[in-house]
N, C-alpha and C. Protein backbone atom coordinates (compact mmCIF):
# COMPACT_ATOMS: atom_id res chain seq x y z
N MET A 1 -6.16 10.94 -71.74
CA MET A 1 -5.68 9.58 -72.09
C MET A 1 -6.84 8.64 -72.12
N PRO A 2 -6.82 7.67 -72.97
CA PRO A 2 -7.87 6.67 -72.98
C PRO A 2 -7.82 5.74 -71.81
N ASP A 3 -9.05 5.34 -71.37
CA ASP A 3 -9.02 4.32 -70.39
C ASP A 3 -9.56 3.04 -71.01
N ALA A 4 -9.75 1.95 -70.12
CA ALA A 4 -10.14 0.67 -70.70
C ALA A 4 -11.47 0.75 -71.45
N THR A 5 -12.39 1.59 -70.93
CA THR A 5 -13.71 1.71 -71.60
C THR A 5 -13.57 2.35 -72.94
N ASP A 6 -12.75 3.42 -73.06
CA ASP A 6 -12.63 4.11 -74.35
C ASP A 6 -11.88 3.18 -75.35
N MET A 7 -11.05 2.30 -74.95
CA MET A 7 -10.27 1.47 -75.91
C MET A 7 -10.87 0.16 -76.17
N GLY A 8 -12.05 -0.18 -75.65
CA GLY A 8 -12.73 -1.43 -76.01
C GLY A 8 -12.14 -2.65 -75.22
N ALA A 9 -11.75 -2.50 -73.96
CA ALA A 9 -11.26 -3.63 -73.23
C ALA A 9 -12.25 -4.71 -73.13
N ILE A 10 -11.76 -5.91 -73.08
CA ILE A 10 -12.60 -7.08 -72.81
C ILE A 10 -13.05 -7.00 -71.32
N THR A 11 -14.32 -7.33 -71.06
CA THR A 11 -14.77 -7.34 -69.71
C THR A 11 -15.26 -8.75 -69.38
N ASP A 12 -15.68 -8.90 -68.10
CA ASP A 12 -16.14 -10.21 -67.65
C ASP A 12 -17.45 -10.59 -68.29
N ASP A 13 -18.12 -9.66 -69.02
CA ASP A 13 -19.35 -10.01 -69.69
C ASP A 13 -19.08 -10.78 -71.05
N ASP A 14 -17.86 -10.72 -71.56
CA ASP A 14 -17.52 -11.41 -72.77
C ASP A 14 -17.39 -12.94 -72.46
N ASP A 15 -17.85 -13.77 -73.40
CA ASP A 15 -17.70 -15.24 -73.23
C ASP A 15 -16.36 -15.69 -73.86
N ARG A 16 -15.39 -15.91 -73.05
CA ARG A 16 -14.03 -16.31 -73.49
C ARG A 16 -13.55 -17.57 -72.95
N GLY A 17 -14.44 -18.42 -72.42
CA GLY A 17 -14.04 -19.81 -72.04
C GLY A 17 -13.20 -19.86 -70.77
N GLY A 18 -13.31 -18.89 -69.90
CA GLY A 18 -12.66 -19.00 -68.56
C GLY A 18 -11.14 -18.77 -68.59
N ARG A 19 -10.68 -18.20 -69.64
CA ARG A 19 -9.21 -17.91 -69.79
C ARG A 19 -8.95 -16.53 -69.30
N ALA A 20 -7.66 -16.10 -69.28
CA ALA A 20 -7.27 -14.80 -68.85
C ALA A 20 -7.89 -13.75 -69.70
N CYS A 21 -8.27 -14.09 -70.93
CA CYS A 21 -8.91 -13.08 -71.82
C CYS A 21 -10.23 -12.60 -71.20
N ASP A 22 -10.78 -13.30 -70.22
CA ASP A 22 -12.00 -12.84 -69.60
C ASP A 22 -11.91 -11.46 -69.03
N ALA A 23 -10.81 -11.14 -68.40
CA ALA A 23 -10.70 -9.92 -67.68
C ALA A 23 -9.47 -9.08 -68.10
N ILE A 24 -9.00 -9.34 -69.35
CA ILE A 24 -7.81 -8.59 -69.80
C ILE A 24 -8.17 -7.08 -69.82
N LEU A 25 -7.31 -6.32 -69.21
CA LEU A 25 -7.53 -4.83 -69.17
C LEU A 25 -6.40 -4.22 -69.96
N ILE A 26 -6.67 -2.96 -70.32
CA ILE A 26 -5.66 -2.22 -71.01
C ILE A 26 -4.45 -2.04 -70.10
N PRO A 27 -3.26 -2.41 -70.52
CA PRO A 27 -2.10 -2.22 -69.65
C PRO A 27 -1.84 -0.70 -69.42
N PRO A 28 -1.49 -0.27 -68.21
CA PRO A 28 -1.27 1.11 -67.92
C PRO A 28 -0.33 1.81 -68.92
N ILE A 29 0.67 1.12 -69.44
CA ILE A 29 1.61 1.69 -70.36
C ILE A 29 0.83 2.27 -71.63
N ALA A 30 -0.29 1.66 -71.95
CA ALA A 30 -1.06 2.10 -73.07
C ALA A 30 -1.47 3.59 -72.98
N ALA A 31 -1.94 3.97 -71.84
CA ALA A 31 -2.35 5.38 -71.60
C ALA A 31 -1.10 6.28 -71.67
N LEU A 32 -0.02 5.89 -71.07
CA LEU A 32 1.25 6.67 -71.04
C LEU A 32 1.70 6.88 -72.45
N MET A 33 1.66 5.89 -73.31
CA MET A 33 2.23 5.96 -74.67
C MET A 33 1.24 6.55 -75.71
N GLY A 34 -0.04 6.67 -75.31
CA GLY A 34 -1.01 7.23 -76.18
C GLY A 34 -1.70 6.28 -77.12
N PHE A 35 -1.76 5.00 -76.82
CA PHE A 35 -2.45 3.97 -77.62
C PHE A 35 -3.95 4.45 -77.71
N THR A 36 -4.52 4.31 -78.88
CA THR A 36 -5.88 4.83 -79.07
C THR A 36 -6.90 3.78 -79.23
N GLY A 37 -6.59 2.52 -79.37
CA GLY A 37 -7.56 1.45 -79.56
C GLY A 37 -6.97 0.11 -79.15
N PHE A 38 -7.93 -0.84 -78.78
CA PHE A 38 -7.55 -2.14 -78.36
C PHE A 38 -8.71 -3.14 -78.59
N THR A 39 -8.39 -4.29 -79.17
CA THR A 39 -9.37 -5.35 -79.23
C THR A 39 -8.56 -6.63 -78.93
N ALA A 40 -9.26 -7.64 -78.44
CA ALA A 40 -8.62 -8.92 -78.18
C ALA A 40 -9.60 -10.06 -78.36
N GLU A 41 -9.01 -11.20 -78.78
CA GLU A 41 -9.77 -12.42 -78.90
C GLU A 41 -8.75 -13.55 -78.55
N GLN A 42 -9.16 -14.77 -78.47
CA GLN A 42 -8.23 -15.81 -78.03
C GLN A 42 -7.05 -15.84 -79.00
N GLY A 43 -5.84 -15.62 -78.46
CA GLY A 43 -4.60 -15.73 -79.21
C GLY A 43 -4.27 -14.52 -80.03
N LYS A 44 -5.07 -13.49 -80.00
CA LYS A 44 -4.80 -12.29 -80.86
C LYS A 44 -5.20 -11.02 -80.23
N VAL A 45 -4.40 -9.99 -80.39
CA VAL A 45 -4.80 -8.59 -79.89
C VAL A 45 -4.39 -7.63 -80.99
N VAL A 46 -5.10 -6.51 -80.96
CA VAL A 46 -4.79 -5.44 -81.88
C VAL A 46 -4.78 -4.11 -81.08
N PHE A 47 -3.70 -3.38 -81.17
CA PHE A 47 -3.55 -2.03 -80.59
C PHE A 47 -3.42 -1.06 -81.76
N THR A 48 -4.01 0.12 -81.59
CA THR A 48 -3.81 1.18 -82.56
C THR A 48 -3.16 2.47 -81.86
N ILE A 49 -2.50 3.23 -82.60
CA ILE A 49 -1.92 4.45 -82.08
C ILE A 49 -1.86 5.49 -83.19
N ASP A 50 -2.09 6.71 -82.89
CA ASP A 50 -1.83 7.83 -83.82
C ASP A 50 -0.60 8.52 -83.46
N PRO A 51 0.49 8.32 -84.26
CA PRO A 51 1.77 8.90 -83.92
C PRO A 51 1.69 10.44 -83.69
N GLN A 52 2.37 10.90 -82.70
CA GLN A 52 2.39 12.33 -82.33
C GLN A 52 3.81 12.77 -82.26
N GLU A 53 3.98 14.09 -82.26
CA GLU A 53 5.39 14.56 -82.25
C GLU A 53 6.09 14.24 -80.91
N TYR A 54 5.32 14.07 -79.83
CA TYR A 54 5.93 13.66 -78.57
C TYR A 54 6.48 12.27 -78.60
N HIS A 55 6.21 11.47 -79.65
CA HIS A 55 6.78 10.17 -79.83
C HIS A 55 8.09 10.22 -80.59
N TYR A 56 8.48 11.41 -81.08
CA TYR A 56 9.60 11.58 -81.96
C TYR A 56 10.93 11.42 -81.25
N ASN A 57 11.93 10.95 -82.04
CA ASN A 57 13.33 10.97 -81.62
C ASN A 57 13.92 12.29 -82.12
N PRO A 58 15.21 12.59 -81.84
CA PRO A 58 15.76 13.86 -82.31
C PRO A 58 15.86 14.05 -83.80
N LEU A 59 15.70 12.94 -84.59
CA LEU A 59 15.81 13.00 -85.99
C LEU A 59 14.45 13.31 -86.70
N GLY A 60 13.36 13.39 -85.95
CA GLY A 60 12.14 13.79 -86.52
C GLY A 60 11.20 12.64 -87.00
N SER A 61 11.36 11.46 -86.43
CA SER A 61 10.47 10.36 -86.69
C SER A 61 10.17 9.66 -85.33
N VAL A 62 9.17 8.80 -85.33
CA VAL A 62 8.77 8.14 -84.11
C VAL A 62 9.91 7.28 -83.59
N HIS A 63 10.23 7.45 -82.34
CA HIS A 63 11.30 6.75 -81.66
C HIS A 63 11.06 5.22 -81.73
N GLY A 64 12.16 4.49 -82.07
CA GLY A 64 12.08 3.09 -82.11
C GLY A 64 11.57 2.44 -80.77
N GLY A 65 11.90 3.12 -79.68
CA GLY A 65 11.45 2.60 -78.39
C GLY A 65 9.97 2.62 -78.25
N MET A 66 9.31 3.54 -78.86
CA MET A 66 7.80 3.59 -78.83
C MET A 66 7.29 2.41 -79.61
N ILE A 67 7.82 2.12 -80.81
CA ILE A 67 7.37 0.98 -81.55
C ILE A 67 7.65 -0.25 -80.76
N ALA A 68 8.83 -0.37 -80.19
CA ALA A 68 9.20 -1.58 -79.42
C ALA A 68 8.26 -1.73 -78.24
N THR A 69 7.86 -0.64 -77.58
CA THR A 69 6.87 -0.77 -76.47
C THR A 69 5.54 -1.22 -76.97
N LEU A 70 5.13 -0.69 -78.12
CA LEU A 70 3.85 -1.07 -78.71
C LEU A 70 3.81 -2.56 -79.01
N VAL A 71 4.87 -3.07 -79.65
CA VAL A 71 4.85 -4.57 -80.01
C VAL A 71 5.04 -5.45 -78.78
N ASP A 72 5.87 -4.96 -77.80
CA ASP A 72 6.05 -5.77 -76.56
C ASP A 72 4.74 -5.86 -75.85
N THR A 73 4.02 -4.75 -75.75
CA THR A 73 2.70 -4.81 -75.10
C THR A 73 1.74 -5.77 -75.77
N ALA A 74 1.67 -5.66 -77.10
CA ALA A 74 0.76 -6.47 -77.84
C ALA A 74 1.11 -7.92 -77.80
N LEU A 75 2.40 -8.17 -77.93
CA LEU A 75 2.88 -9.55 -77.94
C LEU A 75 2.55 -10.28 -76.60
N GLY A 76 2.80 -9.61 -75.48
CA GLY A 76 2.48 -10.11 -74.16
C GLY A 76 0.99 -10.32 -73.99
N CYS A 77 0.22 -9.32 -74.42
CA CYS A 77 -1.26 -9.53 -74.31
C CYS A 77 -1.75 -10.65 -75.13
N ALA A 78 -1.20 -10.90 -76.29
CA ALA A 78 -1.64 -12.00 -77.14
C ALA A 78 -1.46 -13.33 -76.40
N VAL A 79 -0.27 -13.50 -75.82
CA VAL A 79 -0.02 -14.65 -74.99
C VAL A 79 -0.97 -14.73 -73.77
N GLN A 80 -1.20 -13.59 -73.10
CA GLN A 80 -2.08 -13.57 -71.93
C GLN A 80 -3.49 -14.12 -72.25
N THR A 81 -3.93 -13.87 -73.45
CA THR A 81 -5.30 -14.31 -73.82
C THR A 81 -5.47 -15.81 -73.76
N LEU A 82 -4.37 -16.53 -73.82
CA LEU A 82 -4.39 -18.00 -73.80
C LEU A 82 -4.01 -18.61 -72.46
N LEU A 83 -3.70 -17.82 -71.47
CA LEU A 83 -3.33 -18.30 -70.19
C LEU A 83 -4.51 -18.49 -69.26
N PRO A 84 -4.41 -19.40 -68.32
CA PRO A 84 -5.48 -19.49 -67.27
C PRO A 84 -5.55 -18.22 -66.46
N ALA A 85 -6.74 -17.88 -66.09
CA ALA A 85 -6.94 -16.64 -65.33
C ALA A 85 -6.01 -16.61 -64.11
N GLY A 86 -5.44 -15.45 -63.89
CA GLY A 86 -4.49 -15.25 -62.74
C GLY A 86 -3.02 -15.57 -63.07
N THR A 87 -2.76 -16.25 -64.17
CA THR A 87 -1.40 -16.60 -64.61
C THR A 87 -0.74 -15.37 -65.18
N GLY A 88 0.56 -15.11 -64.86
CA GLY A 88 1.24 -13.98 -65.36
C GLY A 88 2.28 -14.37 -66.43
N TYR A 89 2.90 -13.36 -66.94
CA TYR A 89 3.95 -13.56 -67.95
C TYR A 89 4.94 -12.36 -67.86
N THR A 90 6.07 -12.57 -68.40
CA THR A 90 7.05 -11.48 -68.52
C THR A 90 7.92 -11.74 -69.73
N THR A 91 8.36 -10.72 -70.42
CA THR A 91 9.08 -10.86 -71.66
C THR A 91 10.53 -11.42 -71.35
N VAL A 92 10.88 -12.46 -72.07
CA VAL A 92 12.20 -13.04 -72.00
C VAL A 92 13.08 -12.46 -73.11
N ASP A 93 12.54 -12.44 -74.31
CA ASP A 93 13.27 -11.77 -75.40
C ASP A 93 12.31 -11.06 -76.34
N LEU A 94 12.86 -10.00 -77.04
CA LEU A 94 12.04 -9.26 -77.94
C LEU A 94 12.91 -8.90 -79.15
N GLN A 95 12.49 -9.31 -80.33
CA GLN A 95 13.16 -8.92 -81.52
C GLN A 95 12.34 -8.06 -82.42
N VAL A 96 12.75 -6.85 -82.69
CA VAL A 96 11.97 -5.91 -83.51
C VAL A 96 12.78 -5.59 -84.70
N SER A 97 12.17 -5.61 -85.85
CA SER A 97 12.74 -5.14 -87.13
C SER A 97 11.96 -3.98 -87.63
N PHE A 98 12.59 -2.86 -87.89
CA PHE A 98 11.95 -1.66 -88.39
C PHE A 98 12.10 -1.60 -89.89
N VAL A 99 10.98 -1.43 -90.58
CA VAL A 99 11.01 -1.52 -92.05
C VAL A 99 10.87 -0.12 -92.65
N ARG A 100 10.01 0.69 -92.09
CA ARG A 100 9.80 2.07 -92.71
C ARG A 100 9.71 3.03 -91.52
N PRO A 101 10.12 4.26 -91.74
CA PRO A 101 9.99 5.29 -90.73
C PRO A 101 8.52 5.64 -90.49
N VAL A 102 8.24 6.07 -89.21
CA VAL A 102 6.88 6.44 -88.86
C VAL A 102 6.92 7.85 -88.43
N THR A 103 5.96 8.67 -88.93
CA THR A 103 5.86 10.09 -88.57
C THR A 103 4.41 10.42 -88.36
N VAL A 104 4.08 11.59 -87.92
CA VAL A 104 2.71 12.04 -87.76
C VAL A 104 1.99 11.89 -89.07
N GLU A 105 2.66 12.10 -90.19
CA GLU A 105 2.00 12.02 -91.52
C GLU A 105 1.57 10.53 -91.82
N THR A 106 2.21 9.52 -91.16
CA THR A 106 1.89 8.20 -91.42
C THR A 106 0.41 7.91 -91.07
N GLY A 107 -0.09 8.67 -90.07
CA GLY A 107 -1.48 8.43 -89.60
C GLY A 107 -1.52 7.23 -88.65
N GLU A 108 -2.74 6.83 -88.38
CA GLU A 108 -2.95 5.70 -87.44
C GLU A 108 -2.12 4.48 -87.87
N ILE A 109 -1.47 3.85 -86.88
CA ILE A 109 -0.79 2.60 -87.16
C ILE A 109 -1.46 1.51 -86.33
N VAL A 110 -1.40 0.31 -86.86
CA VAL A 110 -2.07 -0.81 -86.23
C VAL A 110 -1.07 -1.90 -85.97
N CYS A 111 -1.06 -2.41 -84.67
CA CYS A 111 -0.13 -3.48 -84.28
C CYS A 111 -1.06 -4.69 -83.99
N THR A 112 -0.85 -5.74 -84.76
CA THR A 112 -1.52 -6.96 -84.62
C THR A 112 -0.58 -8.07 -84.12
N ALA A 113 -0.91 -8.58 -82.95
CA ALA A 113 -0.05 -9.69 -82.38
C ALA A 113 -0.82 -10.95 -82.25
N GLU A 114 -0.16 -12.03 -82.56
CA GLU A 114 -0.81 -13.41 -82.45
C GLU A 114 0.15 -14.34 -81.69
N ALA A 115 -0.42 -15.07 -80.81
CA ALA A 115 0.34 -16.09 -80.11
C ALA A 115 0.59 -17.26 -81.03
N LEU A 116 1.83 -17.71 -81.13
CA LEU A 116 2.19 -18.79 -81.95
C LEU A 116 2.03 -20.11 -81.23
N ARG A 117 2.53 -20.13 -79.97
CA ARG A 117 2.40 -21.35 -79.12
C ARG A 117 2.60 -20.86 -77.70
N VAL A 118 1.73 -21.39 -76.82
CA VAL A 118 1.81 -21.13 -75.39
C VAL A 118 1.93 -22.46 -74.69
N GLY A 119 3.12 -22.74 -74.09
CA GLY A 119 3.31 -23.96 -73.35
C GLY A 119 3.19 -23.74 -71.82
N ARG A 120 3.68 -24.66 -71.06
CA ARG A 120 3.60 -24.52 -69.62
C ARG A 120 4.59 -23.51 -69.08
N LYS A 121 5.75 -23.30 -69.78
CA LYS A 121 6.73 -22.31 -69.29
C LYS A 121 7.04 -21.13 -70.14
N ILE A 122 6.83 -21.32 -71.49
CA ILE A 122 7.15 -20.27 -72.43
C ILE A 122 5.98 -20.06 -73.39
N GLY A 123 5.72 -18.76 -73.76
CA GLY A 123 4.76 -18.49 -74.78
C GLY A 123 5.54 -17.73 -75.88
N ARG A 124 5.21 -17.93 -77.10
CA ARG A 124 5.83 -17.28 -78.20
C ARG A 124 4.74 -16.61 -79.07
N ALA A 125 5.05 -15.35 -79.52
CA ALA A 125 4.12 -14.58 -80.32
C ALA A 125 4.82 -13.77 -81.38
N VAL A 126 4.12 -13.36 -82.38
CA VAL A 126 4.60 -12.55 -83.54
C VAL A 126 3.64 -11.35 -83.74
N ALA A 127 4.22 -10.22 -84.16
CA ALA A 127 3.40 -9.04 -84.34
C ALA A 127 3.85 -8.33 -85.67
N ARG A 128 2.87 -7.65 -86.23
CA ARG A 128 3.12 -6.80 -87.37
C ARG A 128 2.58 -5.41 -87.08
N VAL A 129 3.36 -4.39 -87.47
CA VAL A 129 2.80 -3.04 -87.41
C VAL A 129 2.74 -2.47 -88.76
N GLU A 130 1.44 -1.95 -89.06
CA GLU A 130 1.17 -1.58 -90.45
C GLU A 130 0.53 -0.14 -90.40
N ASP A 131 0.64 0.52 -91.52
CA ASP A 131 -0.06 1.79 -91.67
C ASP A 131 -1.49 1.57 -92.11
N ARG A 132 -2.26 2.63 -92.32
CA ARG A 132 -3.64 2.50 -92.74
C ARG A 132 -3.84 1.86 -94.11
N ASP A 133 -2.80 1.82 -94.91
CA ASP A 133 -2.85 1.18 -96.22
C ASP A 133 -2.38 -0.22 -96.22
N GLY A 134 -2.01 -0.76 -95.05
CA GLY A 134 -1.48 -2.16 -94.93
C GLY A 134 -0.02 -2.26 -95.17
N ARG A 135 0.70 -1.19 -95.32
CA ARG A 135 2.15 -1.28 -95.59
C ARG A 135 2.83 -1.65 -94.20
N LEU A 136 3.77 -2.55 -94.37
CA LEU A 136 4.49 -2.99 -93.17
C LEU A 136 5.47 -1.97 -92.69
N LEU A 137 5.38 -1.58 -91.45
CA LEU A 137 6.30 -0.62 -90.80
C LEU A 137 7.32 -1.23 -89.91
N ALA A 138 6.91 -2.31 -89.25
CA ALA A 138 7.83 -3.08 -88.37
C ALA A 138 7.22 -4.45 -88.12
N HIS A 139 8.07 -5.39 -87.72
CA HIS A 139 7.51 -6.71 -87.32
C HIS A 139 8.36 -7.18 -86.15
N ALA A 140 7.83 -8.05 -85.33
CA ALA A 140 8.52 -8.49 -84.08
C ALA A 140 8.08 -9.87 -83.66
N THR A 141 8.98 -10.50 -82.89
CA THR A 141 8.72 -11.71 -82.21
C THR A 141 9.14 -11.52 -80.76
N ALA A 142 8.49 -12.37 -79.90
CA ALA A 142 8.90 -12.39 -78.51
C ALA A 142 8.62 -13.72 -77.88
N SER A 143 9.36 -13.98 -76.81
CA SER A 143 9.13 -15.13 -75.92
C SER A 143 8.72 -14.55 -74.59
N GLN A 144 7.66 -15.16 -73.97
CA GLN A 144 7.16 -14.72 -72.68
C GLN A 144 7.33 -15.90 -71.69
N LEU A 145 7.93 -15.64 -70.57
CA LEU A 145 8.02 -16.57 -69.46
C LEU A 145 6.70 -16.62 -68.76
N ILE A 146 6.08 -17.87 -68.68
CA ILE A 146 4.79 -18.04 -67.99
C ILE A 146 5.06 -18.09 -66.50
N VAL A 147 4.34 -17.27 -65.73
CA VAL A 147 4.61 -17.14 -64.32
C VAL A 147 3.39 -17.55 -63.51
N ALA A 148 3.54 -18.40 -62.52
CA ALA A 148 2.48 -18.83 -61.67
C ALA A 148 1.77 -17.69 -60.99
N PRO A 149 0.46 -17.82 -60.74
CA PRO A 149 -0.30 -16.76 -60.10
C PRO A 149 0.39 -16.27 -58.82
N GLY A 150 0.57 -14.95 -58.70
CA GLY A 150 1.13 -14.39 -57.42
C GLY A 150 2.71 -14.33 -57.48
N ALA A 151 3.30 -15.04 -58.40
CA ALA A 151 4.80 -15.14 -58.34
C ALA A 151 5.44 -13.77 -58.65
N LEU A 152 4.91 -13.02 -59.56
CA LEU A 152 5.53 -11.74 -59.87
C LEU A 152 5.46 -10.77 -58.64
N ALA A 153 4.36 -10.76 -57.99
CA ALA A 153 4.17 -9.88 -56.80
C ALA A 153 5.10 -10.25 -55.68
N ALA A 154 5.48 -11.53 -55.62
CA ALA A 154 6.40 -12.01 -54.54
C ALA A 154 7.87 -11.75 -54.86
N ALA A 155 8.15 -11.53 -56.10
CA ALA A 155 9.57 -11.35 -56.51
C ALA A 155 10.17 -10.08 -56.02
């Protein structure tokens, strides 16, 4: 499974203006789900994955839950890049629309998420999942509750 180094995680060496993007690490779910790549900049993240048969549902295509996990991860990370260091977030709502089926034959898929607005309490983001030819496979939106440093651990 890829680790943060393999996937291109942002490190403290990058100049990101003192925001959470300074130390954003690959979420542990990325290794579990088999994400193969990651890049981030202020307000935007990109995850890639090569669909495998272990992602399949009983009907022989990638399970919608895998795509939902991909976009939820990317949407949250896009918001995180704009938060002050140490500030948390958690998904309040997630809307995913599936446009085309995904199989092993689809090849690498790319999920690009961008923060639309990040306020004091709520962050909103949008994502697109595309194949290597730029065909839309799914799109999503989410709202993230902004959580004070340490608040999630105390809950």
